[in-house]
Amino acid sequence: MHSKSPTRTRRVILRATAIAGAVAVLASGCASDSVKRGYLPGYSDGEVTNQTERLTNLWVGSWIAALVVGVITWGLMLWCVAAYRKRRDDHQLPVQTRYHMPLEIMYTAVPTIMILVLFFYTDRDMSAVQDTSEEPDVSIQVIGKQWSWDFNYTTDGVYDTGQHLLDVGGQTAEDELDSTPGTSQELPTLYLPVDETVEFTLDSRDVIHSFWIPAFLYKQDMIPGRTNTFQVTPTREGTYAGKCAELCGEFHSGMLFNVKVVDRAEYDAHMDDLRDAGQTGELGLDLNRQQHPSSGETEPTEEAAG
């Protein structure tokens, strides 16, 4: 019995590669919205912010580029295994090549070009996401603390304060806010007006935290002694989960918050509720670890300025 010729082997491999490519194309056309988003959080009825589509496209484009490189690399490896395998009647060593200048140039040039292309698109999109040149409609200072959040609505002159969730594992669907996974009625809720540009000013009261709303596809660190700023325009009304994305101590898992993107009327009504509760002014950055007063009071321990 004779082994297959190299030409026939190459044809078989090329045919199999073509079939695999066709199947991949058909599968991508039939993929769900979740697959098309690269399994990132999202909704079929609209983008959550003005930046989520940009970030999704960057993520999916990067994966497609990586997959193309992988398919080419795997294909070449399999082709070499099949085409240059040792045959029964071949007892000679293959030609020993010490170096090959065109291949060396290709090994250097191709990865460099790939990295430059990825850098270009990443820099373009991240520059747009981190651009704070626009005049915001609403300014909010978010203060991270062990292990909860304070929200200073600086434009409206009011504040809200929160305490961390003690029993994260004991939460049930009945405890969720608006039936949204990851939220709880016991957590502080950040209100944002829909279709208005919000500027977040991020500060930490103690250790490093990270302000993260997964549905927004963006997070930013909160570092003691340093203020970080970013802008975003929520474009879809709804309730979302927020959390700290930086391990910050014993009760890090309970450092959660809710986010409600609402229309202007509901946003203004919430601001009025905070004023009626006497929560006017701003909370400062003085260190205070008091989270659950023994008296059961929910008033913040920090002094409200103004």
C-alpha atoms as a PDB file:
ATOM      1  CA  MET A   1       0.000   0.000   0.000  1.00  0.00           C
ATOM      2  CA  HIS A   2       1.387   3.370  -1.026  1.00  0.00           C
ATOM      3  CA  SER A   3       0.993   6.548   0.964  1.00  0.00           C
ATOM      4  CA  LYS A   4      -0.910   9.441  -0.524  1.00  0.00           C
ATOM      5  CA  SER A   5       1.089  11.853  -2.652  1.00  0.00           C
ATOM      6  CA  PRO A   6       1.930  15.290  -1.243  1.00  0.00           C
ATOM      7  CA  THR A   7      -0.225  16.964  -3.914  1.00  0.00           C
ATOM      8  CA  ARG A   8      -3.292  14.939  -2.951  1.00  0.00           C
ATOM      9  CA  THR A   9      -2.659  15.605   0.719  1.00  0.00           C
ATOM     10  CA  ARG A  10      -2.522  19.341   0.105  1.00  0.00           C
ATOM     11  CA  ARG A  11      -5.805  19.196  -1.793  1.00  0.00           C
ATOM     12  CA  VAL A  12      -7.482  17.371   1.062  1.00  0.00           C
ATOM     13  CA  ILE A  13      -6.230  19.904   3.610  1.00  0.00           C
ATOM     14  CA  LEU A  14      -7.248  22.887   1.471  1.00  0.00           C
ATOM     15  CA  ARG A  15     -10.692  21.382   0.916  1.00  0.00           C
ATOM     16  CA  ALA A  16     -11.161  20.765   4.635  1.00  0.00           C
ATOM     17  CA  THR A  17     -10.033  24.310   5.436  1.00  0.00           C
ATOM     18  CA  ALA A  18     -12.484  25.754   2.906  1.00  0.00           C
ATOM     19  CA  ILE A  19     -15.340  23.721   4.383  1.00  0.00           C
ATOM     20  CA  ALA A  20     -14.432  24.807   7.905  1.00  0.00           C
ATOM     21  CA  GLY A  21     -14.357  28.439   6.784  1.00  0.00           C
ATOM     22  CA  ALA A  22     -17.754  28.145   5.116  1.00  0.00           C
ATOM     23  CA  VAL A  23     -19.242  26.577   8.242  1.00  0.00           C
ATOM     24  CA  ALA A  24     -17.797  29.390  10.368  1.00  0.00           C
ATOM     25  CA  VAL A  25     -19.317  32.042   8.084  1.00  0.00           C
ATOM     26  CA  LEU A  26     -22.731  30.368   8.152  1.00  0.00           C
ATOM     27  CA  ALA A  27     -22.564  29.962  11.918  1.00  0.00           C
ATOM     28  CA  SER A  28     -21.728  33.635  12.397  1.00  0.00           C
ATOM     29  CA  GLY A  29     -24.727  34.609  10.283  1.00  0.00           C
ATOM     30  CA  CYS A  30     -27.031  32.505  12.464  1.00  0.00           C
ATOM     31  CA  ALA A  31     -25.432  33.565  15.747  1.00  0.00           C
ATOM     32  CA  SER A  32     -27.499  35.111  18.494  1.00  0.00           C
ATOM     33  CA  ASP A  33     -27.170  38.741  19.540  1.00  0.00           C
ATOM     34  CA  SER A  34     -25.106  37.604  22.525  1.00  0.00           C
ATOM     35  CA  VAL A  35     -22.594  35.853  20.263  1.00  0.00           C
ATOM     36  CA  LYS A  36     -22.403  38.856  17.928  1.00  0.00           C
ATOM     37  CA  ARG A  37     -21.575  41.022  20.955  1.00  0.00           C
ATOM     38  CA  GLY A  38     -18.781  38.654  21.921  1.00  0.00           C
ATOM     39  CA  TYR A  39     -20.828  37.627  24.988  1.00  0.00           C
ATOM     40  CA  LEU A  40     -20.553  41.135  26.397  1.00  0.00           C
ATOM     41  CA  PRO A  41     -23.499  42.529  28.387  1.00  0.00           C
ATOM     42  CA  GLY A  42     -26.070  44.169  26.155  1.00  0.00           C
ATOM     43  CA  TYR A  43     -29.687  44.377  25.071  1.00  0.00           C
ATOM     44  CA  SER A  44     -31.488  43.815  21.776  1.00  0.00           C
ATOM     45  CA  ASP A  45     -33.609  46.961  22.163  1.00  0.00           C
ATOM     46  CA  GLY A  46     -30.771  49.464  22.160  1.00  0.00           C
ATOM     47  CA  GLU A  47     -27.331  50.428  23.410  1.00  0.00           C
ATOM     48  CA  VAL A  48     -26.959  51.229  27.104  1.00  0.00           C
ATOM     49  CA  THR A  49     -24.662  54.234  26.572  1.00  0.00           C
ATOM     50  CA  ASN A  50     -23.233  56.240  23.723  1.00  0.00           C
ATOM     51  CA  GLN A  51     -19.985  54.240  24.042  1.00  0.00           C
ATOM     52  CA  THR A  52     -21.119  50.626  24.360  1.00  0.00           C
ATOM     53  CA  GLU A  53     -21.376  50.053  20.602  1.00  0.00           C
ATOM     54  CA  ARG A  54     -17.849  51.381  20.096  1.00  0.00           C
ATOM     55  CA  LEU A  55     -16.450  49.164  22.856  1.00  0.00           C
ATOM     56  CA  THR A  56     -18.340  46.114  21.610  1.00  0.00           C
ATOM     57  CA  ASN A  57     -17.000  46.593  18.082  1.00  0.00           C
ATOM     58  CA  LEU A  58     -13.444  46.922  19.424  1.00  0.00           C
ATOM     59  CA  TRP A  59     -13.811  43.732  21.461  1.00  0.00           C
ATOM     60  CA  VAL A  60     -15.421  41.689  18.676  1.00  0.00           C
ATOM     61  CA  GLY A  61     -12.994  43.012  16.055  1.00  0.00           C
ATOM     62  CA  SER A  62     -10.044  42.014  18.235  1.00  0.00           C
ATOM     63  CA  TRP A  63     -11.422  38.488  18.657  1.00  0.00           C
ATOM     64  CA  ILE A  64     -12.063  38.132  14.925  1.00  0.00           C
ATOM     65  CA  ALA A  65      -8.502  39.237  14.158  1.00  0.00           C
ATOM     66  CA  ALA A  66      -7.140  36.791  16.734  1.00  0.00           C
ATOM     67  CA  LEU A  67      -9.291  33.987  15.299  1.00  0.00           C
ATOM     68  CA  VAL A  68      -8.079  34.673  11.741  1.00  0.00           C
ATOM     69  CA  VAL A  69      -4.461  34.567  12.898  1.00  0.00           C
ATOM     70  CA  GLY A  70      -5.189  31.364  14.812  1.00  0.00           C
ATOM     71  CA  VAL A  71      -6.846  29.650  11.849  1.00  0.00           C
ATOM     72  CA  ILE A  72      -3.942  30.553   9.564  1.00  0.00           C
ATOM     73  CA  THR A  73      -1.394  29.383  12.136  1.00  0.00           C
ATOM     74  CA  TRP A  74      -3.219  26.121  12.854  1.00  0.00           C
ATOM     75  CA  GLY A  75      -3.703  25.516   9.135  1.00  0.00           C
ATOM     76  CA  LEU A  76      -0.009  25.975   8.391  1.00  0.00           C
ATOM     77  CA  MET A  77       0.940  23.705  11.276  1.00  0.00           C
ATOM     78  CA  LEU A  78      -1.388  20.927  10.093  1.00  0.00           C
ATOM     79  CA  TRP A  79      -0.242  21.363   6.500  1.00  0.00           C
ATOM     80  CA  CYS A  80       3.403  20.989   7.561  1.00  0.00           C
ATOM     81  CA  VAL A  81       2.574  17.923   9.647  1.00  0.00           C
ATOM     82  CA  ALA A  82       0.780  16.260   6.717  1.00  0.00           C
ATOM     83  CA  ALA A  83       2.967  17.382   3.806  1.00  0.00           C
ATOM     84  CA  TYR A  84       6.347  16.829   5.431  1.00  0.00           C
ATOM     85  CA  ARG A  85       5.672  13.752   7.522  1.00  0.00           C
ATOM     86  CA  LYS A  86       8.173  10.911   7.363  1.00  0.00           C
ATOM     87  CA  ARG A  87       7.115   8.244   4.881  1.00  0.00           C
ATOM     88  CA  ARG A  88       7.803   4.529   5.064  1.00  0.00           C
ATOM     89  CA  ASP A  89      10.245   4.435   2.175  1.00  0.00           C
ATOM     90  CA  ASP A  90      12.059   7.610   3.201  1.00  0.00           C
ATOM     91  CA  HIS A  91      15.068   6.952   5.416  1.00  0.00           C
ATOM     92  CA  GLN A  92      16.957  10.191   4.840  1.00  0.00           C
ATOM     93  CA  LEU A  93      17.091  13.235   7.033  1.00  0.00           C
ATOM     94  CA  PRO A  94      15.431  16.337   5.593  1.00  0.00           C
ATOM     95  CA  VAL A  95      17.546  19.222   4.409  1.00  0.00           C
ATOM     96  CA  GLN A  96      18.901  21.096   7.414  1.00  0.00           C
ATOM     97  CA  THR A  97      18.372  24.849   6.940  1.00  0.00           C
ATOM     98  CA  ARG A  98      20.315  27.031   9.336  1.00  0.00           C
ATOM     99  CA  TYR A  99      18.439  30.234   8.560  1.00  0.00           C
ATOM    100  CA  HIS A 100      16.068  31.723   5.976  1.00  0.00           C
ATOM    101  CA  MET A 101      16.241  35.508   5.657  1.00  0.00           C
ATOM    102  CA  PRO A 102      12.794  36.059   4.039  1.00  0.00           C
ATOM    103  CA  LEU A 103      11.151  34.009   6.814  1.00  0.00           C
ATOM    104  CA  GLU A 104      13.073  35.916   9.489  1.00  0.00           C
ATOM    105  CA  ILE A 105      11.880  39.209   8.017  1.00  0.00           C
ATOM    106  CA  MET A 106       8.311  37.917   7.872  1.00  0.00           C
ATOM    107  CA  TYR A 107       8.456  36.707  11.503  1.00  0.00           C
ATOM    108  CA  THR A 108       9.406  40.236  12.543  1.00  0.00           C
ATOM    109  CA  ALA A 109       7.267  42.311  10.182  1.00  0.00           C
ATOM    110  CA  VAL A 110       3.923  40.502  10.491  1.00  0.00           C
ATOM    111  CA  PRO A 111       3.652  40.608  14.327  1.00  0.00           C
ATOM    112  CA  THR A 112       4.785  44.252  14.296  1.00  0.00           C
ATOM    113  CA  ILE A 113       2.081  45.195  11.808  1.00  0.00           C
ATOM    114  CA  MET A 114      -0.540  43.282  13.803  1.00  0.00           C
ATOM    115  CA  ILE A 115       0.394  45.062  17.035  1.00  0.00           C
ATOM    116  CA  LEU A 116       0.385  48.473  15.336  1.00  0.00           C
ATOM    117  CA  VAL A 117      -3.077  47.879  13.858  1.00  0.00           C
ATOM    118  CA  LEU A 118      -4.452  46.742  17.221  1.00  0.00           C
ATOM    119  CA  PHE A 119      -2.816  49.733  18.919  1.00  0.00           C
ATOM    120  CA  PHE A 120      -4.324  52.156  16.389  1.00  0.00           C
ATOM    121  CA  TYR A 121      -7.916  50.994  16.902  1.00  0.00           C
ATOM    122  CA  THR A 122      -7.529  50.679  20.680  1.00  0.00           C
ATOM    123  CA  ASP A 123      -6.041  54.154  20.989  1.00  0.00           C
ATOM    124  CA  ARG A 124      -8.731  55.632  18.720  1.00  0.00           C
ATOM    125  CA  ASP A 125     -11.602  54.138  20.700  1.00  0.00           C
ATOM    126  CA  MET A 126     -10.177  54.666  24.179  1.00  0.00           C
ATOM    127  CA  SER A 127      -9.379  58.294  23.371  1.00  0.00           C
ATOM    128  CA  ALA A 128     -13.030  58.784  22.427  1.00  0.00           C
ATOM    129  CA  VAL A 129     -14.269  56.997  25.560  1.00  0.00           C
ATOM    130  CA  GLN A 130     -12.006  59.010  27.862  1.00  0.00           C
ATOM    131  CA  ASP A 131     -12.666  62.358  26.187  1.00  0.00           C
ATOM    132  CA  THR A 132     -14.015  64.855  28.759  1.00  0.00           C
ATOM    133  CA  SER A 133     -14.052  67.988  26.595  1.00  0.00           C
ATOM    134  CA  GLU A 134     -17.849  68.112  26.292  1.00  0.00           C
ATOM    135  CA  GLU A 135     -19.819  70.313  28.674  1.00  0.00           C
ATOM    136  CA  PRO A 136     -21.722  67.848  30.918  1.00  0.00           C
ATOM    137  CA  ASP A 137     -25.419  68.152  31.704  1.00  0.00           C
ATOM    138  CA  VAL A 138     -24.938  66.512  35.106  1.00  0.00           C
ATOM    139  CA  SER A 139     -21.862  66.221  37.333  1.00  0.00           C
ATOM    140  CA  ILE A 140     -21.640  63.484  39.968  1.00  0.00           C
ATOM    141  CA  GLN A 141     -18.831  62.780  42.400  1.00  0.00           C
ATOM    142  CA  VAL A 142     -18.569  59.114  43.334  1.00  0.00           C
ATOM    143  CA  ILE A 143     -16.688  58.333  46.541  1.00  0.00           C
ATOM    144  CA  GLY A 144     -15.527  54.781  47.183  1.00  0.00           C
ATOM    145  CA  LYS A 145     -15.172  53.650  50.777  1.00  0.00           C
ATOM    146  CA  GLN A 146     -14.740  50.353  52.584  1.00  0.00           C
ATOM    147  CA  TRP A 147     -17.121  48.945  51.613  1.00  0.00           C
ATOM    148  CA  SER A 148     -19.792  51.039  49.927  1.00  0.00           C
ATOM    149  CA  TRP A 149     -20.428  54.229  47.973  1.00  0.00           C
ATOM    150  CA  ASP A 150     -21.330  57.870  48.435  1.00  0.00           C
ATOM    151  CA  PHE A 151     -22.823  59.889  45.577  1.00  0.00           C
ATOM    152  CA  ASN A 152     -22.536  63.682  45.502  1.00  0.00           C
ATOM    153  CA  TYR A 153     -24.904  65.083  42.874  1.00  0.00           C
ATOM    154  CA  THR A 154     -22.854  68.260  42.614  1.00  0.00           C
ATOM    155  CA  THR A 155     -24.995  69.833  39.901  1.00  0.00           C
ATOM    156  CA  ASP A 156     -28.094  69.539  42.096  1.00  0.00           C
ATOM    157  CA  GLY A 157     -26.439  70.155  45.462  1.00  0.00           C
ATOM    158  CA  VAL A 158     -27.578  66.905  47.125  1.00  0.00           C
ATOM    159  CA  TYR A 159     -25.978  63.623  48.132  1.00  0.00           C
ATOM    160  CA  ASP A 160     -26.777  59.991  48.832  1.00  0.00           C
ATOM    161  CA  THR A 161     -24.858  57.529  50.967  1.00  0.00           C
ATOM    162  CA  GLY A 162     -24.759  53.754  51.178  1.00  0.00           C
ATOM    163  CA  GLN A 163     -23.736  50.793  53.281  1.00  0.00           C
ATOM    164  CA  HIS A 164     -22.286  47.523  52.059  1.00  0.00           C
ATOM    165  CA  LEU A 165     -24.366  44.383  51.678  1.00  0.00           C
ATOM    166  CA  LEU A 166     -23.702  42.126  54.668  1.00  0.00           C
ATOM    167  CA  ASP A 167     -25.223  38.898  53.341  1.00  0.00           C
ATOM    168  CA  VAL A 168     -24.400  38.750  49.633  1.00  0.00           C
ATOM    169  CA  GLY A 169     -25.036  35.008  49.367  1.00  0.00           C
ATOM    170  CA  GLY A 170     -28.399  35.304  51.076  1.00  0.00           C
ATOM    171  CA  GLN A 171     -29.903  37.570  48.420  1.00  0.00           C
ATOM    172  CA  THR A 172     -32.912  36.167  46.532  1.00  0.00           C
ATOM    173  CA  ALA A 173     -34.889  37.268  43.503  1.00  0.00           C
ATOM    174  CA  GLU A 174     -37.337  39.011  45.831  1.00  0.00           C
ATOM    175  CA  ASP A 175     -34.519  41.251  47.094  1.00  0.00           C
ATOM    176  CA  GLU A 176     -33.568  42.455  43.603  1.00  0.00           C
ATOM    177  CA  LEU A 177     -34.419  45.936  42.417  1.00  0.00           C
ATOM    178  CA  ASP A 178     -36.785  45.813  39.425  1.00  0.00           C
ATOM    179  CA  SER A 179     -35.950  42.089  39.048  1.00  0.00           C
ATOM    180  CA  THR A 180     -32.436  42.960  37.867  1.00  0.00           C
ATOM    181  CA  PRO A 181     -29.758  40.368  38.752  1.00  0.00           C
ATOM    182  CA  GLY A 182     -26.929  41.728  40.876  1.00  0.00           C
ATOM    183  CA  THR A 183     -29.028  44.486  42.458  1.00  0.00           C
ATOM    184  CA  SER A 184     -30.611  44.694  45.898  1.00  0.00           C
ATOM    185  CA  GLN A 185     -33.136  46.964  47.558  1.00  0.00           C
ATOM    186  CA  GLU A 186     -30.687  47.307  50.462  1.00  0.00           C
ATOM    187  CA  LEU A 187     -28.007  48.923  48.287  1.00  0.00           C
ATOM    188  CA  PRO A 188     -27.477  52.607  47.418  1.00  0.00           C
ATOM    189  CA  THR A 189     -28.910  53.566  44.048  1.00  0.00           C
ATOM    190  CA  LEU A 190     -27.217  55.907  41.594  1.00  0.00           C
ATOM    191  CA  TYR A 191     -29.715  57.846  39.462  1.00  0.00           C
ATOM    192  CA  LEU A 192     -28.763  59.007  35.961  1.00  0.00           C
ATOM    193  CA  PRO A 193     -30.879  60.991  33.459  1.00  0.00           C
ATOM    194  CA  VAL A 194     -31.281  59.307  30.090  1.00  0.00           C
ATOM    195  CA  ASP A 195     -29.808  60.944  26.961  1.00  0.00           C
ATOM    196  CA  GLU A 196     -27.853  63.494  29.023  1.00  0.00           C
ATOM    197  CA  THR A 197     -24.091  63.675  29.356  1.00  0.00           C
ATOM    198  CA  VAL A 198     -22.934  62.738  32.845  1.00  0.00           C
ATOM    199  CA  GLU A 199     -19.461  63.571  34.131  1.00  0.00           C
ATOM    200  CA  PHE A 200     -18.213  61.269  36.886  1.00  0.00           C
ATOM    201  CA  THR A 201     -15.546  62.450  39.295  1.00  0.00           C
ATOM    202  CA  LEU A 202     -14.084  59.459  41.115  1.00  0.00           C
ATOM    203  CA  ASP A 203     -12.371  59.625  44.520  1.00  0.00           C
ATOM    204  CA  SER A 204     -11.470  57.119  47.227  1.00  0.00           C
ATOM    205  CA  ARG A 205     -11.761  57.685  50.946  1.00  0.00           C
ATOM    206  CA  ASP A 206      -9.377  54.924  52.039  1.00  0.00           C
ATOM    207  CA  VAL A 207      -7.879  52.280  49.701  1.00  0.00           C
ATOM    208  CA  ILE A 208      -7.914  51.615  45.959  1.00  0.00           C
ATOM    209  CA  HIS A 209     -11.379  50.832  44.577  1.00  0.00           C
ATOM    210  CA  SER A 210     -12.733  50.572  41.044  1.00  0.00           C
ATOM    211  CA  PHE A 211     -16.036  52.023  39.817  1.00  0.00           C
ATOM    212  CA  TRP A 212     -17.655  49.500  37.466  1.00  0.00           C
ATOM    213  CA  ILE A 213     -21.070  49.311  35.828  1.00  0.00           C
ATOM    214  CA  PRO A 214     -20.759  46.118  33.721  1.00  0.00           C
ATOM    215  CA  ALA A 215     -23.603  47.100  31.381  1.00  0.00           C
ATOM    216  CA  PHE A 216     -21.676  50.288  30.513  1.00  0.00           C
ATOM    217  CA  LEU A 217     -18.654  48.162  29.436  1.00  0.00           C
ATOM    218  CA  TYR A 218     -16.291  50.523  31.229  1.00  0.00           C
ATOM    219  CA  LYS A 219     -14.657  50.876  34.616  1.00  0.00           C
ATOM    220  CA  GLN A 220     -12.143  53.215  36.168  1.00  0.00           C
ATOM    221  CA  ASP A 221      -9.968  52.998  39.261  1.00  0.00           C
ATOM    222  CA  MET A 222     -10.424  55.146  42.342  1.00  0.00           C
ATOM    223  CA  ILE A 223      -7.030  55.871  43.916  1.00  0.00           C
ATOM    224  CA  PRO A 224      -6.524  57.677  47.237  1.00  0.00           C
ATOM    225  CA  GLY A 225      -5.139  61.167  46.666  1.00  0.00           C
ATOM    226  CA  ARG A 226      -5.929  61.095  42.950  1.00  0.00           C
ATOM    227  CA  THR A 227      -9.108  62.157  41.142  1.00  0.00           C
ATOM    228  CA  ASN A 228     -10.168  60.399  37.935  1.00  0.00           C
ATOM    229  CA  THR A 229     -12.836  61.721  35.580  1.00  0.00           C
ATOM    230  CA  PHE A 230     -14.835  60.366  32.658  1.00  0.00           C
ATOM    231  CA  GLN A 231     -18.020  61.216  30.785  1.00  0.00           C
ATOM    232  CA  VAL A 232     -20.804  59.018  29.468  1.00  0.00           C
ATOM    233  CA  THR A 233     -24.303  59.476  28.066  1.00  0.00           C
ATOM    234  CA  PRO A 234     -26.792  56.777  29.144  1.00  0.00           C
ATOM    235  CA  THR A 235     -29.122  56.062  26.224  1.00  0.00           C
ATOM    236  CA  ARG A 236     -31.341  53.251  27.527  1.00  0.00           C
ATOM    237  CA  GLU A 237     -33.655  53.540  30.502  1.00  0.00           C
ATOM    238  CA  GLY A 238     -33.436  50.663  32.932  1.00  0.00           C
ATOM    239  CA  THR A 239     -31.944  49.291  36.124  1.00  0.00           C
ATOM    240  CA  TYR A 240     -28.380  47.996  36.185  1.00  0.00           C
ATOM    241  CA  ALA A 241     -25.929  46.516  38.674  1.00  0.00           C
ATOM    242  CA  GLY A 242     -22.744  48.233  39.793  1.00  0.00           C
ATOM    243  CA  LYS A 243     -19.799  46.969  41.816  1.00  0.00           C
ATOM    244  CA  CYS A 244     -16.234  47.506  42.907  1.00  0.00           C
ATOM    245  CA  ALA A 245     -13.796  45.780  40.543  1.00  0.00           C
ATOM    246  CA  GLU A 246     -10.724  46.046  42.786  1.00  0.00           C
ATOM    247  CA  LEU A 247     -10.115  43.717  45.720  1.00  0.00           C
ATOM    248  CA  CYS A 248     -10.310  46.211  48.585  1.00  0.00           C
ATOM    249  CA  GLY A 249     -10.604  44.219  51.788  1.00  0.00           C
ATOM    250  CA  GLU A 250     -12.708  41.823  53.808  1.00  0.00           C
ATOM    251  CA  PHE A 251     -16.161  42.865  52.571  1.00  0.00           C
ATOM    252  CA  HIS A 252     -15.223  43.649  48.965  1.00  0.00           C
ATOM    253  CA  SER A 253     -17.922  41.273  47.675  1.00  0.00           C
ATOM    254  CA  GLY A 254     -20.593  43.396  49.347  1.00  0.00           C
ATOM    255  CA  MET A 255     -19.399  46.683  47.812  1.00  0.00           C
ATOM    256  CA  LEU A 256     -22.277  46.866  45.349  1.00  0.00           C
ATOM    257  CA  PHE A 257     -24.696  49.521  44.145  1.00  0.00           C
ATOM    258  CA  ASN A 258     -27.701  49.924  41.880  1.00  0.00           C
ATOM    259  CA  VAL A 259     -27.953  52.173  38.832  1.00  0.00           C
ATOM    260  CA  LYS A 260     -31.243  53.558  37.525  1.00  0.00           C
ATOM    261  CA  VAL A 261     -31.275  55.356  34.182  1.00  0.00           C
ATOM    262  CA  VAL A 262     -34.516  57.338  34.162  1.00  0.00           C
ATOM    263  CA  ASP A 263     -36.164  60.229  32.355  1.00  0.00           C
ATOM    264  CA  ARG A 264     -35.563  63.789  33.479  1.00  0.00           C
ATOM    265  CA  ALA A 265     -38.812  64.026  35.444  1.00  0.00           C
ATOM    266  CA  GLU A 266     -38.030  60.955  37.570  1.00  0.00           C
ATOM    267  CA  TYR A 267     -34.452  62.123  38.043  1.00  0.00           C
ATOM    268  CA  ASP A 268     -35.609  65.530  39.293  1.00  0.00           C
ATOM    269  CA  ALA A 269     -38.140  63.834  41.591  1.00  0.00           C
ATOM    270  CA  HIS A 270     -35.341  61.785  43.177  1.00  0.00           C
ATOM    271  CA  MET A 271     -33.246  64.923  43.672  1.00  0.00           C
ATOM    272  CA  ASP A 272     -36.246  66.507  45.432  1.00  0.00           C
ATOM    273  CA  ASP A 273     -36.582  63.417  47.647  1.00  0.00           C
ATOM    274  CA  LEU A 274     -32.959  63.800  48.743  1.00  0.00           C
ATOM    275  CA  ARG A 275     -33.532  67.487  49.535  1.00  0.00           C
ATOM    276  CA  ASP A 276     -36.647  66.667  51.532  1.00  0.00           C
ATOM    277  CA  ALA A 277     -34.569  64.144  53.497  1.00  0.00           C
ATOM    278  CA  GLY A 278     -32.131  66.906  54.412  1.00  0.00           C
ATOM    279  CA  GLN A 279     -29.313  65.441  52.303  1.00  0.00           C
ATOM    280  CA  THR A 280     -28.087  68.722  50.869  1.00  0.00           C
ATOM    281  CA  GLY A 281     -24.495  69.742  50.266  1.00  0.00           C
ATOM    282  CA  GLU A 282     -21.658  67.287  49.700  1.00  0.00           C
ATOM    283  CA  LEU A 283     -19.963  64.506  51.628  1.00  0.00           C
ATOM    284  CA  GLY A 284     -16.230  64.915  52.135  1.00  0.00           C
ATOM    285  CA  LEU A 285     -13.270  62.569  51.828  1.00  0.00           C
ATOM    286  CA  ASP A 286     -12.489  62.217  55.546  1.00  0.00           C
ATOM    287  CA  LEU A 287     -11.701  58.620  56.465  1.00  0.00           C
ATOM    288  CA  ASN A 288     -14.604  56.929  58.277  1.00  0.00           C
ATOM    289  CA  ARG A 289     -15.102  53.172  58.437  1.00  0.00           C
ATOM    290  CA  GLN A 290     -18.430  53.249  60.288  1.00  0.00           C
ATOM    291  CA  GLN A 291     -20.777  51.195  58.087  1.00  0.00           C
ATOM    292  CA  HIS A 292     -23.534  49.730  60.229  1.00  0.00           C
ATOM    293  CA  PRO A 293     -24.168  51.824  63.368  1.00  0.00           C
ATOM    294  CA  SER A 294     -25.359  49.764  66.321  1.00  0.00           C
ATOM    295  CA  SER A 295     -28.260  52.176  66.753  1.00  0.00           C
ATOM    296  CA  GLY A 296     -29.592  51.208  63.345  1.00  0.00           C
ATOM    297  CA  GLU A 297     -29.444  54.784  62.069  1.00  0.00           C
ATOM    298  CA  THR A 298     -28.853  55.201  58.342  1.00  0.00           C
ATOM    299  CA  GLU A 299     -27.647  58.794  58.536  1.00  0.00           C
ATOM    300  CA  PRO A 300     -24.097  59.234  57.190  1.00  0.00           C
ATOM    301  CA  THR A 301     -21.373  59.824  59.746  1.00  0.00           C
ATOM    302  CA  GLU A 302     -19.565  62.317  57.509  1.00  0.00           C
ATOM    303  CA  GLU A 303     -20.224  66.012  57.805  1.00  0.00           C
ATOM    304  CA  ALA A 304     -22.174  67.449  54.862  1.00  0.00           C
ATOM    305  CA  ALA A 305     -20.538  70.590  53.592  1.00  0.00           C
ATOM    306  CA  GLY A 306     -22.717  73.528  52.742  1.00  0.00           C
END
